[in-house]
Amino acid sequence: MTALKEEKLYTYSDIEALQEGIRAELIDGKIYYLASPSTLHQRISGALHFAIYSHIAAHKGKCEVFTAPFGVWPFGEENDTNYLEPDLSVVCDPGKLTEKGCNGAPDFVIEIVSPSTASRDYLYKLNQYQSAGVREYWIINPDNQFINVFDFTGDTSNSYRFADTVGSSVLEGFTIRISDLL
């Protein structure tokens, strides 16, 4: 009988050692390389960033919104086998922010699905974000024009079309229709 070959467990130092311009994430010590986003992906990300930033500023909120590449250690930097770069991260606790990114779970995360990231966004990242303490997670799928909203504090999930008005449990009073952004 032969033993199974052990897979290498990668850490954040392996991410730092990547060639400049190559982006990747770590989920439970496994590296996932990130492709360049599509034009539609960038349009949605940019418009959402602007809308969220404007809402926070207009309401004199204490949260900040960040776009990828923005490093997130969902379980803290001491857990160096988990490192993510969500498309959008809203952080309401300034004590979690470092020069490198977010040390701990953001309050609100948005991922915009591409064909190469769908299974990660819907399975692995959903589990990571919920386990780490993210309060709200949106998965936006441009191909089928759906938004899945997971409110982990209320333990609810809902699906919306791009033409529907979607609200946030983290950002009080924030609503948006993705179709209005495009």
N, C-alpha and C. Protein backbone atom coordinates (compact mmCIF):
# COMPACT_ATOMS: atom_id res chain seq x y z
N MET A 1 0.85 -1.17 0.00
CA MET A 1 0.00 0.00 0.00
C MET A 1 0.90 1.24 0.00
N THR A 2 0.55 2.22 -0.85
CA THR A 2 1.34 3.46 -0.90
C THR A 2 0.57 4.60 -0.25
N ALA A 3 1.33 5.46 0.37
CA ALA A 3 0.72 6.62 1.04
C ALA A 3 0.35 7.67 0.01
N LEU A 4 -0.70 8.42 0.29
CA LEU A 4 -1.09 9.52 -0.57
C LEU A 4 -0.10 10.66 -0.42
N LYS A 5 0.21 11.29 -1.54
CA LYS A 5 1.11 12.43 -1.51
C LYS A 5 0.40 13.61 -0.83
N GLU A 6 1.09 14.23 0.12
CA GLU A 6 0.51 15.38 0.82
C GLU A 6 0.58 16.61 -0.07
N GLU A 7 -0.53 17.39 -0.08
CA GLU A 7 -0.54 18.65 -0.79
C GLU A 7 0.20 19.69 0.03
N LYS A 8 0.89 20.59 -0.66
CA LYS A 8 1.59 21.68 0.04
C LYS A 8 0.57 22.66 0.58
N LEU A 9 0.77 23.09 1.80
CA LEU A 9 -0.07 24.11 2.41
C LEU A 9 0.62 25.45 2.19
N TYR A 10 -0.02 26.32 1.42
CA TYR A 10 0.56 27.62 1.11
C TYR A 10 0.19 28.64 2.19
N THR A 11 1.04 29.66 2.30
CA THR A 11 0.80 30.74 3.26
C THR A 11 0.90 32.09 2.54
N TYR A 12 0.61 33.15 3.28
CA TYR A 12 0.68 34.48 2.71
C TYR A 12 2.07 34.80 2.17
N SER A 13 3.12 34.25 2.75
CA SER A 13 4.48 34.50 2.23
C SER A 13 4.60 33.99 0.79
N ASP A 14 3.87 32.94 0.44
CA ASP A 14 3.87 32.47 -0.95
C ASP A 14 3.17 33.47 -1.87
N ILE A 15 2.15 34.13 -1.37
CA ILE A 15 1.47 35.17 -2.16
C ILE A 15 2.42 36.34 -2.37
N GLU A 16 3.12 36.74 -1.32
CA GLU A 16 4.08 37.85 -1.44
C GLU A 16 5.21 37.53 -2.40
N ALA A 17 5.55 36.26 -2.54
CA ALA A 17 6.66 35.85 -3.41
C ALA A 17 6.26 35.75 -4.88
N LEU A 18 4.98 35.91 -5.18
CA LEU A 18 4.55 35.81 -6.58
C LEU A 18 5.15 36.94 -7.40
N GLN A 19 5.31 36.67 -8.66
CA GLN A 19 5.82 37.67 -9.60
C GLN A 19 4.91 38.90 -9.58
N GLU A 20 5.50 40.08 -9.70
CA GLU A 20 4.70 41.31 -9.69
C GLU A 20 3.62 41.26 -10.77
N GLY A 21 2.43 41.69 -10.40
CA GLY A 21 1.31 41.70 -11.34
C GLY A 21 0.45 40.45 -11.28
N ILE A 22 0.92 39.42 -10.62
CA ILE A 22 0.12 38.19 -10.47
C ILE A 22 -0.61 38.28 -9.15
N ARG A 23 -1.93 38.16 -9.23
CA ARG A 23 -2.76 38.22 -8.02
C ARG A 23 -3.31 36.85 -7.72
N ALA A 24 -3.43 36.56 -6.43
CA ALA A 24 -3.96 35.27 -6.00
C ALA A 24 -4.58 35.42 -4.62
N GLU A 25 -5.40 34.43 -4.29
CA GLU A 25 -6.01 34.36 -2.96
C GLU A 25 -5.66 33.02 -2.35
N LEU A 26 -5.79 32.94 -1.04
CA LEU A 26 -5.56 31.70 -0.30
C LEU A 26 -6.84 31.32 0.44
N ILE A 27 -7.25 30.09 0.26
CA ILE A 27 -8.38 29.57 1.02
C ILE A 27 -7.92 28.25 1.62
N ASP A 28 -7.81 28.24 2.92
CA ASP A 28 -7.35 27.05 3.64
C ASP A 28 -6.03 26.50 3.07
N GLY A 29 -5.10 27.42 2.78
CA GLY A 29 -3.78 27.03 2.33
C GLY A 29 -3.66 26.65 0.86
N LYS A 30 -4.73 26.81 0.10
CA LYS A 30 -4.69 26.50 -1.33
C LYS A 30 -4.72 27.81 -2.12
N ILE A 31 -3.82 27.92 -3.09
CA ILE A 31 -3.72 29.15 -3.89
C ILE A 31 -4.72 29.10 -5.05
N TYR A 32 -5.41 30.23 -5.23
CA TYR A 32 -6.31 30.43 -6.37
C TYR A 32 -5.87 31.70 -7.08
N TYR A 33 -5.45 31.55 -8.33
CA TYR A 33 -4.99 32.70 -9.10
C TYR A 33 -6.19 33.50 -9.62
N LEU A 34 -6.02 34.81 -9.69
CA LEU A 34 -7.10 35.70 -10.10
C LEU A 34 -6.85 36.22 -11.50
N ALA A 35 -7.84 36.09 -12.36
CA ALA A 35 -7.76 36.61 -13.72
C ALA A 35 -8.13 38.09 -13.72
N SER A 36 -7.78 38.77 -14.77
CA SER A 36 -8.18 40.17 -14.90
C SER A 36 -9.69 40.24 -15.08
N PRO A 37 -10.33 41.20 -14.44
CA PRO A 37 -11.79 41.31 -14.54
C PRO A 37 -12.22 41.83 -15.91
N SER A 38 -13.45 41.49 -16.29
CA SER A 38 -14.02 41.95 -17.57
C SER A 38 -14.42 43.42 -17.45
N THR A 39 -14.74 44.01 -18.57
CA THR A 39 -15.19 45.40 -18.59
C THR A 39 -16.48 45.55 -17.81
N LEU A 40 -17.43 44.63 -17.99
CA LEU A 40 -18.70 44.69 -17.24
C LEU A 40 -18.45 44.58 -15.74
N HIS A 41 -17.58 43.68 -15.37
CA HIS A 41 -17.20 43.51 -13.96
C HIS A 41 -16.69 44.83 -13.40
N GLN A 42 -15.81 45.50 -14.14
CA GLN A 42 -15.24 46.78 -13.70
C GLN A 42 -16.31 47.87 -13.60
N ARG A 43 -17.24 47.87 -14.56
CA ARG A 43 -18.32 48.86 -14.51
C ARG A 43 -19.14 48.70 -13.24
N ILE A 44 -19.52 47.45 -12.94
CA ILE A 44 -20.34 47.18 -11.76
C ILE A 44 -19.56 47.53 -10.50
N SER A 45 -18.31 47.10 -10.42
CA SER A 45 -17.49 47.37 -9.24
C SER A 45 -17.31 48.87 -9.02
N GLY A 46 -16.96 49.59 -10.06
CA GLY A 46 -16.75 51.03 -9.94
C GLY A 46 -18.01 51.77 -9.53
N ALA A 47 -19.14 51.40 -10.13
CA ALA A 47 -20.40 52.07 -9.82
C ALA A 47 -20.84 51.76 -8.39
N LEU A 48 -20.66 50.51 -7.95
CA LEU A 48 -21.01 50.15 -6.57
C LEU A 48 -20.11 50.87 -5.57
N HIS A 49 -18.83 50.94 -5.87
CA HIS A 49 -17.90 51.65 -4.99
C HIS A 49 -18.35 53.11 -4.84
N PHE A 50 -18.65 53.75 -5.95
CA PHE A 50 -19.08 55.14 -5.92
C PHE A 50 -20.38 55.29 -5.12
N ALA A 51 -21.35 54.41 -5.35
CA ALA A 51 -22.64 54.50 -4.66
C ALA A 51 -22.48 54.29 -3.15
N ILE A 52 -21.69 53.29 -2.77
CA ILE A 52 -21.48 53.01 -1.35
C ILE A 52 -20.69 54.14 -0.69
N TYR A 53 -19.61 54.57 -1.35
CA TYR A 53 -18.81 55.68 -0.82
C TYR A 53 -19.68 56.93 -0.63
N SER A 54 -20.50 57.25 -1.63
CA SER A 54 -21.36 58.43 -1.57
C SER A 54 -22.37 58.31 -0.43
N HIS A 55 -22.94 57.12 -0.24
CA HIS A 55 -23.91 56.90 0.84
C HIS A 55 -23.24 57.10 2.20
N ILE A 56 -22.08 56.51 2.37
CA ILE A 56 -21.36 56.65 3.65
C ILE A 56 -21.04 58.12 3.92
N ALA A 57 -20.53 58.81 2.91
CA ALA A 57 -20.16 60.22 3.08
C ALA A 57 -21.39 61.08 3.38
N ALA A 58 -22.49 60.84 2.67
CA ALA A 58 -23.70 61.64 2.87
C ALA A 58 -24.29 61.45 4.26
N HIS A 59 -24.09 60.27 4.84
CA HIS A 59 -24.64 59.98 6.16
C HIS A 59 -23.59 60.09 7.27
N LYS A 60 -22.42 60.62 6.89
CA LYS A 60 -21.32 60.80 7.86
C LYS A 60 -21.05 59.50 8.62
N GLY A 61 -21.05 58.40 7.86
CA GLY A 61 -20.83 57.08 8.45
C GLY A 61 -19.38 56.85 8.83
N LYS A 62 -19.17 55.88 9.69
CA LYS A 62 -17.82 55.56 10.15
C LYS A 62 -17.19 54.45 9.31
N CYS A 63 -17.96 53.83 8.42
CA CYS A 63 -17.43 52.75 7.59
C CYS A 63 -16.63 53.31 6.42
N GLU A 64 -15.77 52.45 5.86
CA GLU A 64 -15.02 52.79 4.65
C GLU A 64 -15.20 51.66 3.65
N VAL A 65 -15.20 52.01 2.36
CA VAL A 65 -15.33 51.00 1.31
C VAL A 65 -14.03 50.94 0.51
N PHE A 66 -13.60 49.72 0.18
CA PHE A 66 -12.36 49.48 -0.54
C PHE A 66 -12.62 48.55 -1.71
N THR A 67 -11.89 48.77 -2.81
CA THR A 67 -12.01 47.90 -3.98
C THR A 67 -10.76 47.04 -4.12
N ALA A 68 -10.91 45.93 -4.81
CA ALA A 68 -9.78 45.04 -5.09
C ALA A 68 -8.78 45.76 -5.99
N PRO A 69 -7.51 45.50 -5.83
CA PRO A 69 -6.94 44.56 -4.86
C PRO A 69 -6.77 45.20 -3.48
N PHE A 70 -7.50 44.69 -2.55
CA PHE A 70 -7.44 45.12 -1.15
C PHE A 70 -7.38 43.85 -0.32
N GLY A 71 -6.28 43.64 0.38
CA GLY A 71 -6.05 42.40 1.10
C GLY A 71 -6.93 42.25 2.33
N VAL A 72 -7.50 41.07 2.47
CA VAL A 72 -8.33 40.74 3.62
C VAL A 72 -7.86 39.42 4.22
N TRP A 73 -7.49 39.47 5.49
CA TRP A 73 -7.20 38.26 6.26
C TRP A 73 -8.45 38.02 7.10
N PRO A 74 -9.40 37.21 6.62
CA PRO A 74 -10.70 37.11 7.29
C PRO A 74 -10.61 36.64 8.73
N PHE A 75 -9.61 35.82 9.06
CA PHE A 75 -9.45 35.32 10.42
C PHE A 75 -8.29 36.00 11.14
N GLY A 76 -7.80 37.10 10.58
CA GLY A 76 -6.67 37.83 11.15
C GLY A 76 -5.36 37.40 10.49
N GLU A 77 -4.38 38.29 10.51
CA GLU A 77 -3.10 38.04 9.84
C GLU A 77 -2.34 36.85 10.42
N GLU A 78 -2.61 36.51 11.69
CA GLU A 78 -1.92 35.36 12.28
C GLU A 78 -2.33 34.06 11.60
N ASN A 79 -3.50 34.03 10.98
CA ASN A 79 -3.94 32.88 10.18
C ASN A 79 -3.51 33.15 8.75
N ASP A 80 -2.28 32.82 8.43
CA ASP A 80 -1.72 33.20 7.13
C ASP A 80 -2.01 32.20 6.01
N THR A 81 -2.93 31.28 6.23
CA THR A 81 -3.34 30.36 5.16
C THR A 81 -4.67 30.79 4.53
N ASN A 82 -5.20 31.94 4.97
CA ASN A 82 -6.42 32.49 4.40
C ASN A 82 -6.21 33.98 4.12
N TYR A 83 -6.26 34.30 2.83
CA TYR A 83 -6.06 35.68 2.38
C TYR A 83 -6.95 35.86 1.14
N LEU A 84 -7.80 36.89 1.17
CA LEU A 84 -8.73 37.13 0.07
C LEU A 84 -8.62 38.55 -0.43
N GLU A 85 -9.07 38.77 -1.65
CA GLU A 85 -9.16 40.10 -2.24
C GLU A 85 -10.57 40.29 -2.81
N PRO A 86 -11.54 40.56 -1.92
CA PRO A 86 -12.91 40.74 -2.40
C PRO A 86 -13.01 41.91 -3.38
N ASP A 87 -14.01 41.87 -4.24
CA ASP A 87 -14.19 42.98 -5.18
C ASP A 87 -14.48 44.28 -4.43
N LEU A 88 -15.31 44.20 -3.39
CA LEU A 88 -15.58 45.36 -2.54
C LEU A 88 -15.64 44.91 -1.09
N SER A 89 -15.02 45.68 -0.23
CA SER A 89 -15.03 45.40 1.21
C SER A 89 -15.45 46.66 1.93
N VAL A 90 -16.41 46.53 2.85
CA VAL A 90 -16.82 47.64 3.69
C VAL A 90 -16.37 47.29 5.11
N VAL A 91 -15.56 48.18 5.67
CA VAL A 91 -15.01 47.96 7.01
C VAL A 91 -15.49 49.09 7.91
N CYS A 92 -16.16 48.72 8.99
CA CYS A 92 -16.72 49.71 9.91
C CYS A 92 -15.89 49.87 11.19
N ASP A 93 -14.94 48.99 11.41
CA ASP A 93 -14.07 49.06 12.59
C ASP A 93 -12.68 49.51 12.13
N PRO A 94 -12.33 50.79 12.35
CA PRO A 94 -11.02 51.27 11.88
C PRO A 94 -9.85 50.52 12.52
N GLY A 95 -10.07 49.86 13.64
CA GLY A 95 -9.02 49.09 14.29
C GLY A 95 -8.59 47.86 13.49
N LYS A 96 -9.38 47.45 12.53
CA LYS A 96 -9.03 46.30 11.67
C LYS A 96 -8.16 46.70 10.49
N LEU A 97 -8.06 48.00 10.21
CA LEU A 97 -7.33 48.46 9.03
C LEU A 97 -5.84 48.62 9.33
N THR A 98 -5.04 48.07 8.41
CA THR A 98 -3.60 48.24 8.45
C THR A 98 -3.15 48.76 7.09
N GLU A 99 -1.90 49.04 6.95
CA GLU A 99 -1.39 49.48 5.65
C GLU A 99 -1.49 48.36 4.60
N LYS A 100 -1.56 47.11 5.06
CA LYS A 100 -1.64 45.97 4.15
C LYS A 100 -3.07 45.63 3.76
N GLY A 101 -4.07 46.06 4.55
CA GLY A 101 -5.46 45.72 4.25
C GLY A 101 -6.30 45.61 5.51
N CYS A 102 -7.13 44.57 5.55
CA CYS A 102 -8.06 44.37 6.66
C CYS A 102 -7.65 43.15 7.47
N ASN A 103 -7.31 43.37 8.72
CA ASN A 103 -6.89 42.31 9.63
C ASN A 103 -8.12 41.83 10.40
N GLY A 104 -8.84 40.89 9.80
CA GLY A 104 -10.10 40.40 10.35
C GLY A 104 -11.19 40.53 9.32
N ALA A 105 -12.38 40.14 9.69
CA ALA A 105 -13.50 40.12 8.75
C ALA A 105 -14.04 41.53 8.50
N PRO A 106 -14.18 41.92 7.21
CA PRO A 106 -14.92 43.15 6.92
C PRO A 106 -16.38 42.98 7.37
N ASP A 107 -17.09 44.06 7.45
CA ASP A 107 -18.51 43.98 7.83
C ASP A 107 -19.39 43.56 6.66
N PHE A 108 -19.01 43.96 5.46
CA PHE A 108 -19.84 43.77 4.27
C PHE A 108 -18.89 43.49 3.11
N VAL A 109 -19.15 42.41 2.38
CA VAL A 109 -18.29 42.02 1.26
C VAL A 109 -19.16 41.81 0.02
N ILE A 110 -18.67 42.28 -1.11
CA ILE A 110 -19.33 42.05 -2.39
C ILE A 110 -18.35 41.37 -3.33
N GLU A 111 -18.77 40.25 -3.91
CA GLU A 111 -18.00 39.56 -4.95
C GLU A 111 -18.81 39.61 -6.23
N ILE A 112 -18.14 39.92 -7.34
CA ILE A 112 -18.76 39.92 -8.65
C ILE A 112 -18.24 38.68 -9.37
N VAL A 113 -19.14 37.78 -9.69
CA VAL A 113 -18.80 36.46 -10.22
C VAL A 113 -18.30 36.57 -11.66
N SER A 114 -17.28 35.80 -11.95
CA SER A 114 -16.87 35.55 -13.33
C SER A 114 -16.92 34.04 -13.52
N PRO A 115 -16.92 33.57 -14.76
CA PRO A 115 -17.00 32.12 -14.95
C PRO A 115 -15.91 31.34 -14.20
N SER A 116 -14.73 31.92 -14.07
CA SER A 116 -13.64 31.20 -13.41
C SER A 116 -13.70 31.25 -11.88
N THR A 117 -14.54 32.13 -11.32
CA THR A 117 -14.59 32.25 -9.86
C THR A 117 -15.91 31.80 -9.24
N ALA A 118 -16.87 31.41 -10.04
CA ALA A 118 -18.22 31.14 -9.53
C ALA A 118 -18.24 30.13 -8.39
N SER A 119 -17.59 28.98 -8.57
CA SER A 119 -17.66 27.97 -7.51
C SER A 119 -16.98 28.46 -6.23
N ARG A 120 -15.90 29.20 -6.35
CA ARG A 120 -15.23 29.76 -5.16
C ARG A 120 -16.13 30.76 -4.45
N ASP A 121 -16.75 31.66 -5.22
CA ASP A 121 -17.59 32.70 -4.61
C ASP A 121 -18.81 32.12 -3.92
N TYR A 122 -19.45 31.13 -4.56
CA TYR A 122 -20.69 30.56 -4.02
C TYR A 122 -20.46 29.52 -2.93
N LEU A 123 -19.30 28.89 -2.90
CA LEU A 123 -19.07 27.84 -1.91
C LEU A 123 -18.00 28.22 -0.90
N TYR A 124 -16.76 28.25 -1.35
CA TYR A 124 -15.65 28.43 -0.43
C TYR A 124 -15.66 29.80 0.25
N LYS A 125 -15.83 30.85 -0.54
CA LYS A 125 -15.81 32.19 0.07
C LYS A 125 -17.04 32.43 0.94
N LEU A 126 -18.18 31.92 0.52
CA LEU A 126 -19.38 32.03 1.34
C LEU A 126 -19.10 31.44 2.72
N ASN A 127 -18.51 30.27 2.76
CA ASN A 127 -18.19 29.62 4.02
C ASN A 127 -17.14 30.42 4.81
N GLN A 128 -16.10 30.88 4.11
CA GLN A 128 -15.04 31.67 4.78
C GLN A 128 -15.63 32.93 5.42
N TYR A 129 -16.39 33.68 4.63
CA TYR A 129 -16.93 34.93 5.14
C TYR A 129 -17.88 34.71 6.31
N GLN A 130 -18.73 33.72 6.21
CA GLN A 130 -19.66 33.45 7.30
C GLN A 130 -18.90 33.01 8.55
N SER A 131 -17.95 32.11 8.39
CA SER A 131 -17.17 31.61 9.53
C SER A 131 -16.33 32.71 10.19
N ALA A 132 -15.84 33.65 9.39
CA ALA A 132 -14.96 34.70 9.90
C ALA A 132 -15.72 35.82 10.61
N GLY A 133 -17.02 35.93 10.36
CA GLY A 133 -17.78 36.98 11.03
C GLY A 133 -18.21 38.14 10.15
N VAL A 134 -18.10 37.98 8.81
CA VAL A 134 -18.64 39.00 7.91
C VAL A 134 -20.14 39.08 8.19
N ARG A 135 -20.67 40.28 8.28
CA ARG A 135 -22.09 40.45 8.60
C ARG A 135 -23.00 40.31 7.38
N GLU A 136 -22.51 40.74 6.21
CA GLU A 136 -23.32 40.71 5.00
C GLU A 136 -22.44 40.39 3.80
N TYR A 137 -22.95 39.54 2.91
CA TYR A 137 -22.20 39.11 1.73
C TYR A 137 -23.12 39.13 0.52
N TRP A 138 -22.71 39.87 -0.52
CA TRP A 138 -23.45 39.90 -1.78
C TRP A 138 -22.62 39.18 -2.83
N ILE A 139 -23.28 38.33 -3.60
CA ILE A 139 -22.66 37.72 -4.78
C ILE A 139 -23.44 38.24 -5.98
N ILE A 140 -22.76 38.97 -6.83
CA ILE A 140 -23.39 39.55 -8.03
C ILE A 140 -22.95 38.74 -9.24
N ASN A 141 -23.93 38.23 -9.98
CA ASN A 141 -23.65 37.42 -11.15
C ASN A 141 -24.11 38.16 -12.40
N PRO A 142 -23.18 38.80 -13.13
CA PRO A 142 -23.55 39.56 -14.32
C PRO A 142 -24.14 38.69 -15.44
N ASP A 143 -23.73 37.44 -15.53
CA ASP A 143 -24.23 36.58 -16.61
C ASP A 143 -25.72 36.30 -16.49
N ASN A 144 -26.20 35.99 -15.29
CA ASN A 144 -27.62 35.72 -15.15
C ASN A 144 -28.38 36.88 -14.50
N GLN A 145 -27.68 37.98 -14.25
CA GLN A 145 -28.23 39.21 -13.69
C GLN A 145 -28.98 38.96 -12.38
N PHE A 146 -28.30 38.23 -11.50
CA PHE A 146 -28.84 37.95 -10.16
C PHE A 146 -27.89 38.45 -9.10
N ILE A 147 -28.47 38.80 -7.95
CA ILE A 147 -27.71 39.17 -6.77
C ILE A 147 -28.19 38.27 -5.64
N ASN A 148 -27.28 37.55 -5.03
CA ASN A 148 -27.60 36.76 -3.84
C ASN A 148 -27.10 37.55 -2.64
N VAL A 149 -27.99 37.81 -1.70
CA VAL A 149 -27.67 38.59 -0.51
C VAL A 149 -27.77 37.67 0.71
N PHE A 150 -26.65 37.57 1.41
CA PHE A 150 -26.59 36.76 2.64
C PHE A 150 -26.40 37.71 3.81
N ASP A 151 -27.41 37.76 4.67
CA ASP A 151 -27.34 38.55 5.90
C ASP A 151 -27.03 37.56 7.01
N PHE A 152 -25.76 37.45 7.36
CA PHE A 152 -25.34 36.45 8.34
C PHE A 152 -25.79 36.80 9.76
N THR A 153 -26.00 38.08 10.06
CA THR A 153 -26.46 38.43 11.41
C THR A 153 -27.93 38.07 11.58
N GLY A 154 -28.70 38.20 10.52
CA GLY A 154 -30.11 37.84 10.57
C GLY A 154 -30.36 36.42 10.10
N ASP A 155 -29.29 35.75 9.67
CA ASP A 155 -29.36 34.37 9.19
C ASP A 155 -30.39 34.21 8.08
N THR A 156 -30.35 35.17 7.10
CA THR A 156 -31.26 35.12 5.97
C THR A 156 -30.49 35.22 4.67
N SER A 157 -31.11 34.75 3.61
CA SER A 157 -30.56 34.94 2.28
C SER A 157 -31.71 35.17 1.31
N ASN A 158 -31.46 36.03 0.34
CA ASN A 158 -32.45 36.36 -0.67
C ASN A 158 -31.78 36.52 -2.02
N SER A 159 -32.53 36.29 -3.08
CA SER A 159 -32.05 36.48 -4.45
C SER A 159 -32.85 37.60 -5.10
N TYR A 160 -32.14 38.41 -5.87
CA TYR A 160 -32.75 39.55 -6.54
C TYR A 160 -32.29 39.58 -7.99
N ARG A 161 -33.11 40.18 -8.84
CA ARG A 161 -32.73 40.46 -10.22
C ARG A 161 -32.06 41.84 -10.24
N PHE A 162 -31.34 42.15 -11.30
CA PHE A 162 -30.67 43.44 -11.41
C PHE A 162 -31.66 44.60 -11.36
N ALA A 163 -32.91 44.38 -11.81
CA ALA A 163 -33.92 45.45 -11.82
C ALA A 163 -34.56 45.66 -10.45
N ASP A 164 -34.34 44.75 -9.51
CA ASP A 164 -34.91 44.88 -8.16
C ASP A 164 -34.09 45.86 -7.33
N THR A 165 -34.76 46.47 -6.36
CA THR A 165 -34.08 47.33 -5.39
C THR A 165 -33.56 46.45 -4.26
N VAL A 166 -32.27 46.58 -3.98
CA VAL A 166 -31.62 45.76 -2.97
C VAL A 166 -31.11 46.69 -1.86
N GLY A 167 -31.36 46.31 -0.62
CA GLY A 167 -30.91 47.09 0.52
C GLY A 167 -29.85 46.35 1.31
N SER A 168 -29.14 47.09 2.12
CA SER A 168 -28.07 46.52 2.94
C SER A 168 -28.46 46.57 4.41
N SER A 169 -28.16 45.50 5.13
CA SER A 169 -28.39 45.50 6.58
C SER A 169 -27.25 46.19 7.32
N VAL A 170 -26.08 46.28 6.72
CA VAL A 170 -24.92 46.92 7.35
C VAL A 170 -24.97 48.44 7.16
N LEU A 171 -25.31 48.87 5.95
CA LEU A 171 -25.35 50.30 5.65
C LEU A 171 -26.80 50.78 5.69
N GLU A 172 -27.21 51.26 6.83
CA GLU A 172 -28.60 51.67 7.04
C GLU A 172 -29.05 52.67 5.98
N GLY A 173 -30.17 52.37 5.35
CA GLY A 173 -30.74 53.26 4.34
C GLY A 173 -30.17 53.10 2.95
N PHE A 174 -29.14 52.29 2.79
CA PHE A 174 -28.53 52.11 1.47
C PHE A 174 -29.37 51.14 0.64
N THR A 175 -29.81 51.60 -0.54
CA THR A 175 -30.48 50.73 -1.51
C THR A 175 -29.92 51.03 -2.89
N ILE A 176 -30.02 50.03 -3.76
CA ILE A 176 -29.49 50.19 -5.11
C ILE A 176 -30.18 49.23 -6.05
N ARG A 177 -30.27 49.63 -7.31
CA ARG A 177 -30.69 48.74 -8.39
C ARG A 177 -29.52 48.65 -9.35
N ILE A 178 -29.00 47.47 -9.52
CA ILE A 178 -27.83 47.28 -10.39
C ILE A 178 -28.14 47.73 -11.82
N SER A 179 -29.38 47.49 -12.27
CA SER A 179 -29.74 47.89 -13.63
C SER A 179 -29.59 49.40 -13.85
N ASP A 180 -29.74 50.20 -12.79
CA ASP A 180 -29.55 51.64 -12.91
C ASP A 180 -28.09 52.04 -13.09
N LEU A 181 -27.18 51.13 -12.74
CA LEU A 181 -25.75 51.42 -12.82
C LEU A 181 -25.18 51.17 -14.21
N LEU A 182 -25.88 50.39 -15.00
CA LEU A 182 -25.32 49.93 -16.30
C LEU A 182 -25.85 50.74 -17.47
